[in-house]
């Protein structure tokens, strides 16, 4: 007498086959999605360090605009962004301010208002900053301008990350 306990019915066979094929297809579709989500997290981040922006001979007591390029990586896409800093000498120190206004993020300019030639001016809402980056009271900016880390090597000015000023 044949043993019916170990027999696989046609319905069970089709069920197992469809489940196996469906699982294989699901794994094939989900693997790239999971890798795309996890891969950027697992990559070792490079420390960009300091970026050369100009020659120290170009500096004076008055803030001067320096434009420089920064390589930005967003997941797999690398691009270059242009950034700006206002840099000047203050005795033996070199000060580099971020041009981003703390009110709404507009770009400030040194001596942008002819009536106040010794201040930074934000044209968006008439905001003013002193030369040292502190916000002028009773104008829209709510905090001082941020500063860049600064390093000088062999006569070249290098800027690092932005340091918020409280």
C-alpha atoms as a PDB file:
ATOM      1  CA  UNK A   1       0.000   0.000   0.000  1.00  0.00           C
ATOM      2  CA  UNK A   2       1.488   3.386  -1.072  1.00  0.00           C
ATOM      3  CA  UNK A   3       2.141   6.029   1.599  1.00  0.00           C
ATOM      4  CA  UNK A   4      -0.195   9.012   0.921  1.00  0.00           C
ATOM      5  CA  UNK A   5       1.312  11.179   3.686  1.00  0.00           C
ATOM      6  CA  UNK A   6       4.388  12.129   1.618  1.00  0.00           C
ATOM      7  CA  UNK A   7       2.614  12.739  -1.674  1.00  0.00           C
ATOM      8  CA  UNK A   8       2.434  16.284  -2.985  1.00  0.00           C
ATOM      9  CA  UNK A   9      -0.818  17.099  -4.676  1.00  0.00           C
ATOM     10  CA  UNK A  10      -0.927  19.020  -7.893  1.00  0.00           C
ATOM     11  CA  UNK A  11      -2.373  22.033  -6.060  1.00  0.00           C
ATOM     12  CA  UNK A  12       0.421  21.984  -3.452  1.00  0.00           C
ATOM     13  CA  UNK A  13       3.064  21.658  -6.184  1.00  0.00           C
ATOM     14  CA  UNK A  14       1.693  24.710  -8.045  1.00  0.00           C
ATOM     15  CA  UNK A  15       1.413  26.615  -4.766  1.00  0.00           C
ATOM     16  CA  UNK A  16       5.067  25.899  -3.863  1.00  0.00           C
ATOM     17  CA  UNK A  17       6.275  26.697  -7.377  1.00  0.00           C
ATOM     18  CA  UNK A  18       4.417  30.026  -7.558  1.00  0.00           C
ATOM     19  CA  UNK A  19       5.613  30.994  -4.070  1.00  0.00           C
ATOM     20  CA  UNK A  20       9.224  30.170  -5.011  1.00  0.00           C
ATOM     21  CA  UNK A  21       9.072  32.110  -8.278  1.00  0.00           C
ATOM     22  CA  UNK A  22       7.300  35.023  -6.575  1.00  0.00           C
ATOM     23  CA  UNK A  23       9.896  35.110  -3.784  1.00  0.00           C
ATOM     24  CA  UNK A  24      12.732  35.014  -6.315  1.00  0.00           C
ATOM     25  CA  UNK A  25      11.183  37.917  -8.272  1.00  0.00           C
ATOM     26  CA  UNK A  26      10.541  39.932  -5.099  1.00  0.00           C
ATOM     27  CA  UNK A  27      14.154  39.443  -4.004  1.00  0.00           C
ATOM     28  CA  UNK A  28      15.319  40.566  -7.445  1.00  0.00           C
ATOM     29  CA  UNK A  29      13.276  43.756  -7.211  1.00  0.00           C
ATOM     30  CA  UNK A  30      13.982  44.572  -3.553  1.00  0.00           C
ATOM     31  CA  UNK A  31      17.756  44.005  -3.561  1.00  0.00           C
ATOM     32  CA  UNK A  32      18.627  47.113  -5.649  1.00  0.00           C
ATOM     33  CA  UNK A  33      16.186  49.226  -3.620  1.00  0.00           C
ATOM     34  CA  UNK A  34      17.676  48.122  -0.318  1.00  0.00           C
ATOM     35  CA  UNK A  35      21.190  48.658  -1.618  1.00  0.00           C
ATOM     36  CA  UNK A  36      20.282  52.150  -2.877  1.00  0.00           C
ATOM     37  CA  UNK A  37      18.933  53.046   0.557  1.00  0.00           C
ATOM     38  CA  UNK A  38      21.820  51.610   2.581  1.00  0.00           C
ATOM     39  CA  UNK A  39      24.872  52.177   0.354  1.00  0.00           C
ATOM     40  CA  UNK A  40      25.323  55.949   0.963  1.00  0.00           C
ATOM     41  CA  UNK A  41      25.243  55.348   4.718  1.00  0.00           C
ATOM     42  CA  UNK A  42      27.953  52.686   4.535  1.00  0.00           C
ATOM     43  CA  UNK A  43      30.368  54.705   2.389  1.00  0.00           C
ATOM     44  CA  UNK A  44      33.342  56.270   4.140  1.00  0.00           C
ATOM     45  CA  UNK A  45      32.957  60.030   4.096  1.00  0.00           C
ATOM     46  CA  UNK A  46      35.918  62.016   2.910  1.00  0.00           C
ATOM     47  CA  UNK A  47      37.040  64.921   5.036  1.00  0.00           C
ATOM     48  CA  UNK A  48      37.155  67.821   2.613  1.00  0.00           C
ATOM     49  CA  UNK A  49      39.405  69.836   4.914  1.00  0.00           C
ATOM     50  CA  UNK A  50      40.473  73.304   3.878  1.00  0.00           C
ATOM     51  CA  UNK A  51      39.995  74.836   0.432  1.00  0.00           C
ATOM     52  CA  UNK A  52      42.421  77.383  -1.077  1.00  0.00           C
ATOM     53  CA  UNK A  53      40.642  80.659  -1.829  1.00  0.00           C
ATOM     54  CA  UNK A  54      43.267  83.302  -2.496  1.00  0.00           C
ATOM     55  CA  UNK A  55      46.591  84.972  -1.819  1.00  0.00           C
ATOM     56  CA  UNK A  56      47.270  86.681   1.499  1.00  0.00           C
ATOM     57  CA  UNK A  57      48.822  89.613  -0.416  1.00  0.00           C
ATOM     58  CA  UNK A  58      45.331  90.514  -1.676  1.00  0.00           C
ATOM     59  CA  UNK A  59      44.019  91.199   1.854  1.00  0.00           C
ATOM     60  CA  UNK A  60      43.538  94.647   3.372  1.00  0.00           C
ATOM     61  CA  UNK A  61      41.765  96.061   6.428  1.00  0.00           C
ATOM     62  CA  UNK A  62      38.581  96.265   4.366  1.00  0.00           C
ATOM     63  CA  UNK A  63      36.574  93.085   3.671  1.00  0.00           C
ATOM     64  CA  UNK A  64      37.113  91.730   0.179  1.00  0.00           C
ATOM     65  CA  UNK A  65      34.947  89.199  -1.615  1.00  0.00           C
ATOM     66  CA  UNK A  66      36.558  85.842  -2.449  1.00  0.00           C
ATOM     67  CA  UNK A  67      34.664  83.327  -4.599  1.00  0.00           C
ATOM     68  CA  UNK A  68      35.703  79.680  -4.512  1.00  0.00           C
ATOM     69  CA  UNK A  69      34.393  76.304  -5.644  1.00  0.00           C
ATOM     70  CA  UNK A  70      33.402  73.455  -3.347  1.00  0.00           C
ATOM     71  CA  UNK A  71      32.832  69.860  -4.469  1.00  0.00           C
ATOM     72  CA  UNK A  72      29.540  68.572  -3.076  1.00  0.00           C
ATOM     73  CA  UNK A  73      28.470  64.946  -3.187  1.00  0.00           C
ATOM     74  CA  UNK A  74      24.787  64.122  -2.861  1.00  0.00           C
ATOM     75  CA  UNK A  75      24.551  60.306  -2.709  1.00  0.00           C
ATOM     76  CA  UNK A  76      26.128  59.328  -6.073  1.00  0.00           C
ATOM     77  CA  UNK A  77      26.018  62.741  -7.754  1.00  0.00           C
ATOM     78  CA  UNK A  78      29.094  64.974  -7.484  1.00  0.00           C
ATOM     79  CA  UNK A  79      28.843  68.634  -8.387  1.00  0.00           C
ATOM     80  CA  UNK A  80      30.714  71.881  -7.867  1.00  0.00           C
ATOM     81  CA  UNK A  81      29.119  74.798  -6.085  1.00  0.00           C
ATOM     82  CA  UNK A  82      30.426  78.341  -6.001  1.00  0.00           C
ATOM     83  CA  UNK A  83      30.716  79.765  -2.523  1.00  0.00           C
ATOM     84  CA  UNK A  84      31.712  83.202  -1.274  1.00  0.00           C
ATOM     85  CA  UNK A  85      33.487  84.629   1.745  1.00  0.00           C
ATOM     86  CA  UNK A  86      34.225  88.178   2.885  1.00  0.00           C
ATOM     87  CA  UNK A  87      37.820  88.156   4.146  1.00  0.00           C
ATOM     88  CA  UNK A  88      39.934  90.888   5.755  1.00  0.00           C
ATOM     89  CA  UNK A  89      42.882  91.433   8.087  1.00  0.00           C
ATOM     90  CA  UNK A  90      42.258  92.481  11.667  1.00  0.00           C
ATOM     91  CA  UNK A  91      45.773  93.187  13.004  1.00  0.00           C
ATOM     92  CA  UNK A  92      47.421  89.725  13.019  1.00  0.00           C
ATOM     93  CA  UNK A  93      44.166  87.815  12.555  1.00  0.00           C
ATOM     94  CA  UNK A  94      42.418  86.962   9.316  1.00  0.00           C
ATOM     95  CA  UNK A  95      38.627  87.053   9.533  1.00  0.00           C
ATOM     96  CA  UNK A  96      36.412  85.313   6.980  1.00  0.00           C
ATOM     97  CA  UNK A  97      32.647  85.891   7.155  1.00  0.00           C
ATOM     98  CA  UNK A  98      29.931  83.907   5.469  1.00  0.00           C
ATOM     99  CA  UNK A  99      27.860  86.166   3.196  1.00  0.00           C
ATOM    100  CA  UNK A 100      24.575  84.570   4.251  1.00  0.00           C
ATOM    101  CA  UNK A 101      22.276  86.911   6.200  1.00  0.00           C
ATOM    102  CA  UNK A 102      20.905  85.403   9.408  1.00  0.00           C
ATOM    103  CA  UNK A 103      17.451  86.897   8.800  1.00  0.00           C
ATOM    104  CA  UNK A 104      16.270  85.087   5.660  1.00  0.00           C
ATOM    105  CA  UNK A 105      19.480  83.794   4.097  1.00  0.00           C
ATOM    106  CA  UNK A 106      19.993  86.521   1.493  1.00  0.00           C
ATOM    107  CA  UNK A 107      23.520  87.486   0.445  1.00  0.00           C
ATOM    108  CA  UNK A 108      25.122  90.443   2.224  1.00  0.00           C
ATOM    109  CA  UNK A 109      27.594  92.812   0.572  1.00  0.00           C
ATOM    110  CA  UNK A 110      30.293  94.949   2.123  1.00  0.00           C
ATOM    111  CA  UNK A 111      29.512  98.643   1.590  1.00  0.00           C
ATOM    112  CA  UNK A 112      26.342  97.665  -0.267  1.00  0.00           C
ATOM    113  CA  UNK A 113      24.533 100.770   1.025  1.00  0.00           C
ATOM    114  CA  UNK A 114      26.241 104.028  -0.046  1.00  0.00           C
ATOM    115  CA  UNK A 115      24.883 105.745   3.091  1.00  0.00           C
ATOM    116  CA  UNK A 116      26.721 103.255   5.345  1.00  0.00           C
ATOM    117  CA  UNK A 117      29.963 102.358   3.536  1.00  0.00           C
ATOM    118  CA  UNK A 118      31.604 100.642   6.541  1.00  0.00           C
ATOM    119  CA  UNK A 119      28.965  97.976   7.135  1.00  0.00           C
ATOM    120  CA  UNK A 120      27.669  94.829   5.504  1.00  0.00           C
ATOM    121  CA  UNK A 121      24.262  95.385   3.921  1.00  0.00           C
ATOM    122  CA  UNK A 122      21.511  92.882   3.174  1.00  0.00           C
ATOM    123  CA  UNK A 123      19.286  94.291   0.416  1.00  0.00           C
ATOM    124  CA  UNK A 124      16.371  91.906   1.068  1.00  0.00           C
ATOM    125  CA  UNK A 125      15.060  93.670   4.176  1.00  0.00           C
ATOM    126  CA  UNK A 126      17.605  96.443   4.822  1.00  0.00           C
ATOM    127  CA  UNK A 127      19.671  94.460   7.297  1.00  0.00           C
ATOM    128  CA  UNK A 128      23.033  95.740   8.535  1.00  0.00           C
ATOM    129  CA  UNK A 129      26.094  94.129  10.102  1.00  0.00           C
ATOM    130  CA  UNK A 130      29.211  95.753  11.551  1.00  0.00           C
ATOM    131  CA  UNK A 131      32.620  94.943  10.096  1.00  0.00           C
ATOM    132  CA  UNK A 132      33.186  92.302  12.790  1.00  0.00           C
ATOM    133  CA  UNK A 133      29.964  90.558  11.704  1.00  0.00           C
ATOM    134  CA  UNK A 134      27.744  91.583  14.618  1.00  0.00           C
ATOM    135  CA  UNK A 135      24.216  92.504  13.645  1.00  0.00           C
ATOM    136  CA  UNK A 136      23.196  96.153  14.037  1.00  0.00           C
ATOM    137  CA  UNK A 137      20.396  96.517  16.627  1.00  0.00           C
ATOM    138  CA  UNK A 138      16.913  97.386  15.353  1.00  0.00           C
ATOM    139  CA  UNK A 139      17.576  95.904  11.905  1.00  0.00           C
ATOM    140  CA  UNK A 140      16.136  92.554  10.712  1.00  0.00           C
ATOM    141  CA  UNK A 141      19.142  90.214  11.259  1.00  0.00           C
ATOM    142  CA  UNK A 142      18.702  88.230  14.454  1.00  0.00           C
ATOM    143  CA  UNK A 143      22.301  87.020  14.891  1.00  0.00           C
ATOM    144  CA  UNK A 144      25.873  87.801  13.797  1.00  0.00           C
ATOM    145  CA  UNK A 145      27.308  86.554  10.516  1.00  0.00           C
ATOM    146  CA  UNK A 146      28.860  83.082  10.662  1.00  0.00           C
ATOM    147  CA  UNK A 147      32.613  82.712  10.198  1.00  0.00           C
ATOM    148  CA  UNK A 148      34.791  80.282   8.292  1.00  0.00           C
ATOM    149  CA  UNK A 149      37.731  78.460   9.832  1.00  0.00           C
ATOM    150  CA  UNK A 150      40.854  80.107   8.380  1.00  0.00           C
ATOM    151  CA  UNK A 151      44.348  78.761   7.811  1.00  0.00           C
ATOM    152  CA  UNK A 152      47.291  80.313   5.960  1.00  0.00           C
ATOM    153  CA  UNK A 153      50.067  78.234   4.402  1.00  0.00           C
ATOM    154  CA  UNK A 154      52.810  79.512   2.113  1.00  0.00           C
ATOM    155  CA  UNK A 155      50.958  82.778   1.481  1.00  0.00           C
ATOM    156  CA  UNK A 156      47.692  81.075   0.483  1.00  0.00           C
ATOM    157  CA  UNK A 157      44.448  81.518   2.433  1.00  0.00           C
ATOM    158  CA  UNK A 158      42.532  78.304   3.133  1.00  0.00           C
ATOM    159  CA  UNK A 159      38.959  78.185   4.395  1.00  0.00           C
ATOM    160  CA  UNK A 160      37.422  75.314   6.331  1.00  0.00           C
ATOM    161  CA  UNK A 161      33.954  74.714   7.652  1.00  0.00           C
ATOM    162  CA  UNK A 162      31.541  77.445   8.742  1.00  0.00           C
ATOM    163  CA  UNK A 163      31.431  78.145  12.454  1.00  0.00           C
ATOM    164  CA  UNK A 164      28.151  79.628  13.747  1.00  0.00           C
ATOM    165  CA  UNK A 165      28.612  82.732  15.877  1.00  0.00           C
ATOM    166  CA  UNK A 166      26.181  83.140  18.763  1.00  0.00           C
END
